[in-house]
C-alpha cells in the first residue's frame, strides 16, 4: 500500500484550490493538506477584515494569494498583495496577515532539518 503524505485533498485529478476552502462570515478558515516536521501546506480563506495577528515561525513560509487582496506585514514592513502574487516570510521574522477583501491563500512552510536547528 502506498503511503499518503497529503490529506484533505483528492489525488490524481485536476483541482481548483479556491474551491477547497469556503468563506465564512467573520472567520478565518483553514484546510491543512500536510503538516509534519519538514513542511506544512495549508489553504486559508479570510473574510474581509479578518486577520492572523503578528507571530513568527521556525520555518521559511511562502504565501500565495489565490483570490482577493491581503495586507502582509513582515518585520514591520507592509506589503499589499493581490490574486496571483506571492511573498516569502523568512523564519524568525514576525509577520501578520490581514484581509483587505475576502481572500484565499496557499501557505507553504518549510521547516529546518533537526540537525540545522542545533547549529
N, C-alpha and C. Protein backbone atom coordinates (compact mmCIF):
# COMPACT_ATOMS: atom_id res chain seq x y z
N UNK A 1 0.84 -1.19 0.00
CA UNK A 1 0.00 0.00 0.00
C UNK A 1 0.89 1.25 0.00
N UNK A 2 0.53 2.22 -0.80
CA UNK A 2 1.28 3.47 -0.93
C UNK A 2 1.01 4.37 0.27
N UNK A 3 2.06 4.98 0.81
CA UNK A 3 1.92 5.94 1.90
C UNK A 3 1.36 7.24 1.33
N UNK A 4 0.35 7.77 1.98
CA UNK A 4 -0.24 9.03 1.54
C UNK A 4 0.26 10.14 2.46
N UNK A 5 0.98 11.10 1.89
CA UNK A 5 1.56 12.18 2.66
C UNK A 5 0.63 13.39 2.75
N UNK A 6 -0.17 13.59 1.71
CA UNK A 6 -1.13 14.69 1.70
C UNK A 6 -2.46 14.20 2.25
N UNK A 7 -3.18 15.10 2.92
CA UNK A 7 -4.50 14.75 3.44
C UNK A 7 -5.49 15.84 3.05
N UNK A 8 -6.75 15.56 3.17
CA UNK A 8 -7.82 16.53 2.91
C UNK A 8 -7.81 17.06 1.48
N UNK A 9 -7.28 16.27 0.55
CA UNK A 9 -7.24 16.67 -0.86
C UNK A 9 -7.23 15.40 -1.71
N UNK A 10 -7.94 15.45 -2.83
CA UNK A 10 -8.02 14.30 -3.72
C UNK A 10 -6.74 14.17 -4.55
N UNK A 11 -6.42 12.93 -4.91
CA UNK A 11 -5.25 12.66 -5.75
C UNK A 11 -5.68 12.39 -7.19
N UNK A 12 -4.73 12.54 -8.09
CA UNK A 12 -4.89 12.13 -9.48
C UNK A 12 -6.07 12.78 -10.18
N UNK A 13 -6.29 14.07 -9.90
CA UNK A 13 -7.32 14.81 -10.62
C UNK A 13 -7.04 16.30 -10.54
N UNK A 14 -7.51 17.02 -11.53
CA UNK A 14 -7.35 18.48 -11.55
C UNK A 14 -8.26 19.09 -10.49
N UNK A 15 -7.70 20.00 -9.70
CA UNK A 15 -8.45 20.63 -8.61
C UNK A 15 -8.35 22.15 -8.73
N UNK A 16 -9.39 22.83 -8.26
CA UNK A 16 -9.35 24.28 -8.12
C UNK A 16 -9.19 24.57 -6.64
N UNK A 17 -7.98 24.98 -6.25
CA UNK A 17 -7.70 25.19 -4.83
C UNK A 17 -8.66 26.16 -4.17
N UNK A 18 -9.10 27.18 -4.90
CA UNK A 18 -10.01 28.16 -4.31
C UNK A 18 -11.35 27.56 -3.90
N UNK A 19 -11.70 26.44 -4.48
CA UNK A 19 -12.98 25.80 -4.14
C UNK A 19 -12.86 24.84 -2.94
N UNK A 20 -11.64 24.64 -2.45
CA UNK A 20 -11.43 23.71 -1.33
C UNK A 20 -11.58 24.36 0.04
N UNK A 21 -11.69 25.70 0.08
CA UNK A 21 -11.98 26.42 1.32
C UNK A 21 -13.04 27.47 1.01
N UNK A 22 -14.08 27.52 1.82
CA UNK A 22 -15.17 28.47 1.61
C UNK A 22 -15.03 29.64 2.57
N UNK A 23 -15.61 30.76 2.21
CA UNK A 23 -15.66 31.91 3.10
C UNK A 23 -16.75 31.69 4.15
N UNK A 24 -16.47 32.14 5.37
CA UNK A 24 -17.45 32.12 6.45
C UNK A 24 -17.46 33.51 7.07
N UNK A 25 -18.63 34.10 7.31
CA UNK A 25 -18.69 35.45 7.86
C UNK A 25 -17.90 35.57 9.17
N UNK A 26 -17.02 36.56 9.23
CA UNK A 26 -16.27 36.85 10.44
C UNK A 26 -15.24 35.81 10.84
N UNK A 27 -14.79 34.99 9.89
CA UNK A 27 -13.89 33.90 10.25
C UNK A 27 -12.71 33.76 9.30
N UNK A 28 -11.68 33.10 9.81
CA UNK A 28 -10.57 32.60 9.02
C UNK A 28 -10.73 31.08 9.02
N UNK A 29 -10.81 30.49 7.84
CA UNK A 29 -10.99 29.04 7.70
C UNK A 29 -9.70 28.46 7.14
N UNK A 30 -9.27 27.32 7.68
CA UNK A 30 -8.07 26.67 7.16
C UNK A 30 -8.34 25.21 6.84
N UNK A 31 -7.58 24.71 5.88
CA UNK A 31 -7.64 23.30 5.49
C UNK A 31 -6.20 22.83 5.32
N UNK A 32 -5.74 22.02 6.26
CA UNK A 32 -4.37 21.52 6.24
C UNK A 32 -4.26 20.40 5.21
N UNK A 33 -3.27 20.53 4.33
CA UNK A 33 -3.02 19.50 3.33
C UNK A 33 -1.87 18.59 3.73
N UNK A 34 -0.90 19.15 4.44
CA UNK A 34 0.19 18.34 5.00
C UNK A 34 0.80 19.12 6.17
N UNK A 35 1.15 18.40 7.22
CA UNK A 35 1.83 19.00 8.37
C UNK A 35 2.72 17.94 8.98
N UNK A 36 4.03 18.18 8.89
CA UNK A 36 4.98 17.27 9.53
C UNK A 36 6.22 18.08 9.92
N UNK A 37 7.26 17.44 10.34
CA UNK A 37 8.44 18.14 10.79
C UNK A 37 9.21 18.86 9.69
N UNK A 38 8.91 18.54 8.43
CA UNK A 38 9.64 19.13 7.31
C UNK A 38 8.87 20.23 6.60
N UNK A 39 7.56 20.08 6.49
CA UNK A 39 6.76 21.01 5.69
C UNK A 39 5.32 21.08 6.20
N UNK A 40 4.73 22.23 6.02
CA UNK A 40 3.31 22.43 6.26
C UNK A 40 2.71 23.11 5.05
N UNK A 41 1.58 22.60 4.56
CA UNK A 41 0.88 23.22 3.44
C UNK A 41 -0.57 23.37 3.86
N UNK A 42 -1.06 24.61 3.83
CA UNK A 42 -2.40 24.89 4.30
C UNK A 42 -3.09 25.89 3.39
N UNK A 43 -4.36 25.63 3.09
CA UNK A 43 -5.21 26.58 2.37
C UNK A 43 -5.97 27.40 3.40
N UNK A 44 -6.15 28.68 3.14
CA UNK A 44 -6.90 29.56 4.04
C UNK A 44 -7.91 30.38 3.26
N UNK A 45 -9.03 30.68 3.90
CA UNK A 45 -9.95 31.71 3.42
C UNK A 45 -10.17 32.68 4.57
N UNK A 46 -10.13 33.97 4.25
CA UNK A 46 -10.32 35.04 5.23
C UNK A 46 -11.53 35.87 4.82
N UNK A 47 -12.45 36.10 5.74
CA UNK A 47 -13.49 37.07 5.47
C UNK A 47 -12.85 38.46 5.54
N UNK A 48 -13.43 39.42 4.84
CA UNK A 48 -12.90 40.78 4.85
C UNK A 48 -12.74 41.29 6.27
N UNK A 49 -11.58 41.87 6.57
CA UNK A 49 -11.31 42.43 7.89
C UNK A 49 -10.74 41.44 8.90
N UNK A 50 -10.72 40.17 8.57
CA UNK A 50 -10.16 39.16 9.48
C UNK A 50 -8.65 39.11 9.32
N UNK A 51 -7.97 38.62 10.36
CA UNK A 51 -6.51 38.59 10.30
C UNK A 51 -5.92 37.51 11.20
N UNK A 52 -4.68 37.21 10.94
CA UNK A 52 -3.85 36.39 11.82
C UNK A 52 -2.83 37.36 12.39
N UNK A 53 -2.84 37.54 13.70
CA UNK A 53 -2.00 38.55 14.33
C UNK A 53 -0.52 38.20 14.23
N UNK A 54 0.30 39.17 14.59
CA UNK A 54 1.75 39.04 14.46
C UNK A 54 2.29 37.84 15.23
N UNK A 55 3.10 37.06 14.54
CA UNK A 55 3.74 35.88 15.11
C UNK A 55 4.98 35.58 14.26
N UNK A 56 5.79 34.64 14.70
CA UNK A 56 6.96 34.21 13.94
C UNK A 56 6.91 32.69 13.81
N UNK A 57 7.59 32.17 12.82
CA UNK A 57 7.62 30.74 12.55
C UNK A 57 9.05 30.24 12.58
N UNK A 58 9.23 28.97 12.88
CA UNK A 58 10.56 28.34 12.84
C UNK A 58 11.02 28.08 11.41
N UNK A 59 10.06 28.10 10.46
CA UNK A 59 10.40 27.80 9.08
C UNK A 59 10.16 28.98 8.15
N UNK A 60 10.78 28.92 6.97
CA UNK A 60 10.50 29.90 5.92
C UNK A 60 9.12 29.60 5.35
N UNK A 61 8.33 30.65 5.12
CA UNK A 61 6.98 30.48 4.60
C UNK A 61 6.83 31.21 3.28
N UNK A 62 6.11 30.59 2.35
CA UNK A 62 5.76 31.24 1.10
C UNK A 62 4.24 31.32 1.05
N UNK A 63 3.75 32.54 0.90
CA UNK A 63 2.31 32.81 0.88
C UNK A 63 1.92 33.22 -0.52
N UNK A 64 0.97 32.51 -1.12
CA UNK A 64 0.47 32.81 -2.45
C UNK A 64 -1.00 33.17 -2.37
N UNK A 65 -1.34 34.36 -2.87
CA UNK A 65 -2.74 34.81 -2.86
C UNK A 65 -3.45 34.17 -4.05
N UNK A 66 -4.49 33.41 -3.76
CA UNK A 66 -5.25 32.71 -4.79
C UNK A 66 -6.44 33.53 -5.27
N UNK A 67 -6.93 34.41 -4.38
CA UNK A 67 -8.13 35.19 -4.68
C UNK A 67 -8.19 36.37 -3.72
N UNK A 68 -8.57 37.54 -4.20
CA UNK A 68 -8.77 38.69 -3.33
C UNK A 68 -7.50 39.49 -3.06
N UNK A 69 -7.55 40.27 -1.96
CA UNK A 69 -6.46 41.19 -1.61
C UNK A 69 -6.10 41.05 -0.14
N UNK A 70 -4.79 41.11 0.13
CA UNK A 70 -4.30 40.93 1.50
C UNK A 70 -3.24 41.96 1.84
N UNK A 71 -3.16 42.26 3.14
CA UNK A 71 -2.09 43.11 3.68
C UNK A 71 -1.19 42.20 4.50
N UNK A 72 0.05 42.06 4.07
CA UNK A 72 1.02 41.19 4.73
C UNK A 72 2.07 42.08 5.38
N UNK A 73 2.28 41.91 6.67
CA UNK A 73 3.29 42.68 7.37
C UNK A 73 4.42 41.74 7.75
N UNK A 74 5.64 42.09 7.33
CA UNK A 74 6.82 41.27 7.62
C UNK A 74 7.87 42.18 8.24
N UNK A 75 8.22 41.89 9.49
CA UNK A 75 9.23 42.70 10.17
C UNK A 75 8.85 44.17 10.22
N UNK A 76 7.56 44.46 10.32
CA UNK A 76 7.07 45.84 10.40
C UNK A 76 6.82 46.50 9.07
N UNK A 77 7.23 45.90 7.95
CA UNK A 77 7.01 46.46 6.62
C UNK A 77 5.73 45.89 6.02
N UNK A 78 4.86 46.77 5.51
CA UNK A 78 3.57 46.36 4.95
C UNK A 78 3.69 46.12 3.45
N UNK A 79 3.09 45.01 3.01
CA UNK A 79 3.04 44.64 1.60
C UNK A 79 1.58 44.40 1.23
N UNK A 80 1.13 45.00 0.14
CA UNK A 80 -0.22 44.77 -0.35
C UNK A 80 -0.14 43.78 -1.50
N UNK A 81 -0.83 42.65 -1.36
CA UNK A 81 -0.80 41.61 -2.38
C UNK A 81 -2.19 41.35 -2.92
N UNK A 82 -2.24 40.96 -4.18
CA UNK A 82 -3.49 40.61 -4.86
C UNK A 82 -3.35 39.24 -5.49
N UNK A 83 -4.46 38.76 -6.04
CA UNK A 83 -4.51 37.46 -6.68
C UNK A 83 -3.33 37.26 -7.61
N UNK A 84 -2.68 36.11 -7.47
CA UNK A 84 -1.55 35.75 -8.33
C UNK A 84 -0.20 36.17 -7.78
N UNK A 85 -0.18 36.95 -6.69
CA UNK A 85 1.09 37.39 -6.13
C UNK A 85 1.52 36.49 -4.97
N UNK A 86 2.83 36.43 -4.76
CA UNK A 86 3.44 35.57 -3.74
C UNK A 86 4.48 36.37 -2.98
N UNK A 87 4.65 36.03 -1.70
CA UNK A 87 5.68 36.66 -0.89
C UNK A 87 6.28 35.62 0.05
N UNK A 88 7.57 35.79 0.36
CA UNK A 88 8.25 34.91 1.30
C UNK A 88 8.34 35.61 2.65
N UNK A 89 8.00 34.88 3.69
CA UNK A 89 8.11 35.35 5.06
C UNK A 89 9.21 34.53 5.73
N UNK A 90 10.39 35.13 5.93
CA UNK A 90 11.53 34.36 6.45
C UNK A 90 11.32 33.86 7.88
N UNK A 91 11.92 32.73 8.17
CA UNK A 91 11.87 32.15 9.52
C UNK A 91 12.35 33.16 10.55
N UNK A 92 11.68 33.18 11.69
CA UNK A 92 12.10 34.00 12.81
C UNK A 92 11.73 35.47 12.72
N UNK A 93 11.19 35.92 11.58
CA UNK A 93 10.80 37.33 11.42
C UNK A 93 9.30 37.46 11.71
N UNK A 94 8.91 38.32 12.64
CA UNK A 94 7.48 38.48 12.93
C UNK A 94 6.70 38.91 11.68
N UNK A 95 5.54 38.31 11.49
CA UNK A 95 4.69 38.64 10.35
C UNK A 95 3.22 38.51 10.74
N UNK A 96 2.37 39.16 9.96
CA UNK A 96 0.93 39.11 10.17
C UNK A 96 0.24 39.12 8.81
N UNK A 97 -0.99 38.61 8.77
CA UNK A 97 -1.76 38.52 7.54
C UNK A 97 -3.14 39.09 7.81
N UNK A 98 -3.60 40.03 6.97
CA UNK A 98 -4.92 40.64 7.13
C UNK A 98 -5.64 40.70 5.79
N UNK A 99 -6.95 40.52 5.82
CA UNK A 99 -7.77 40.53 4.62
C UNK A 99 -8.28 41.93 4.32
N UNK A 100 -7.82 42.51 3.21
CA UNK A 100 -8.34 43.80 2.75
C UNK A 100 -9.72 43.60 2.12
N UNK A 101 -9.91 42.45 1.49
CA UNK A 101 -11.19 41.99 0.96
C UNK A 101 -11.25 40.52 1.33
N UNK A 102 -12.33 39.86 1.03
CA UNK A 102 -12.30 38.41 1.22
C UNK A 102 -11.12 37.90 0.39
N UNK A 103 -10.34 37.01 0.97
CA UNK A 103 -9.23 36.47 0.19
C UNK A 103 -8.90 35.05 0.61
N UNK A 104 -8.27 34.34 -0.34
CA UNK A 104 -7.83 32.96 -0.12
C UNK A 104 -6.35 32.88 -0.43
N UNK A 105 -5.66 32.04 0.33
CA UNK A 105 -4.22 31.90 0.13
C UNK A 105 -3.80 30.45 0.33
N UNK A 106 -2.66 30.14 -0.27
CA UNK A 106 -1.98 28.87 -0.05
C UNK A 106 -0.70 29.20 0.70
N UNK A 107 -0.51 28.58 1.84
CA UNK A 107 0.66 28.82 2.67
C UNK A 107 1.50 27.55 2.72
N UNK A 108 2.77 27.67 2.36
CA UNK A 108 3.70 26.55 2.45
C UNK A 108 4.83 26.97 3.38
N UNK A 109 5.07 26.18 4.42
CA UNK A 109 6.14 26.47 5.38
C UNK A 109 7.13 25.32 5.31
N UNK A 110 8.41 25.67 5.10
CA UNK A 110 9.48 24.67 5.06
C UNK A 110 10.29 24.83 6.35
N UNK A 111 10.31 23.77 7.14
CA UNK A 111 10.97 23.81 8.44
C UNK A 111 12.41 23.32 8.33
N UNK A 112 13.29 23.81 9.22
CA UNK A 112 14.69 23.36 9.19
C UNK A 112 14.78 21.89 9.59
N UNK A 113 15.77 21.21 9.03
CA UNK A 113 16.03 19.83 9.43
C UNK A 113 16.49 19.82 10.89
N UNK A 114 16.22 18.76 11.62
CA UNK A 114 16.59 18.73 13.05
C UNK A 114 18.04 19.09 13.30
N UNK A 115 18.98 18.63 12.45
CA UNK A 115 20.39 18.96 12.67
C UNK A 115 20.66 20.44 12.44
N UNK A 116 19.86 21.10 11.58
CA UNK A 116 20.04 22.53 11.34
C UNK A 116 19.57 23.35 12.54
N UNK A 117 18.60 22.84 13.29
CA UNK A 117 18.11 23.55 14.47
C UNK A 117 19.19 23.64 15.55
N UNK A 118 20.07 22.63 15.60
CA UNK A 118 21.12 22.59 16.64
C UNK A 118 22.26 23.55 16.33
N UNK A 119 22.44 23.87 15.05
CA UNK A 119 23.58 24.70 14.62
C UNK A 119 23.42 26.15 15.06
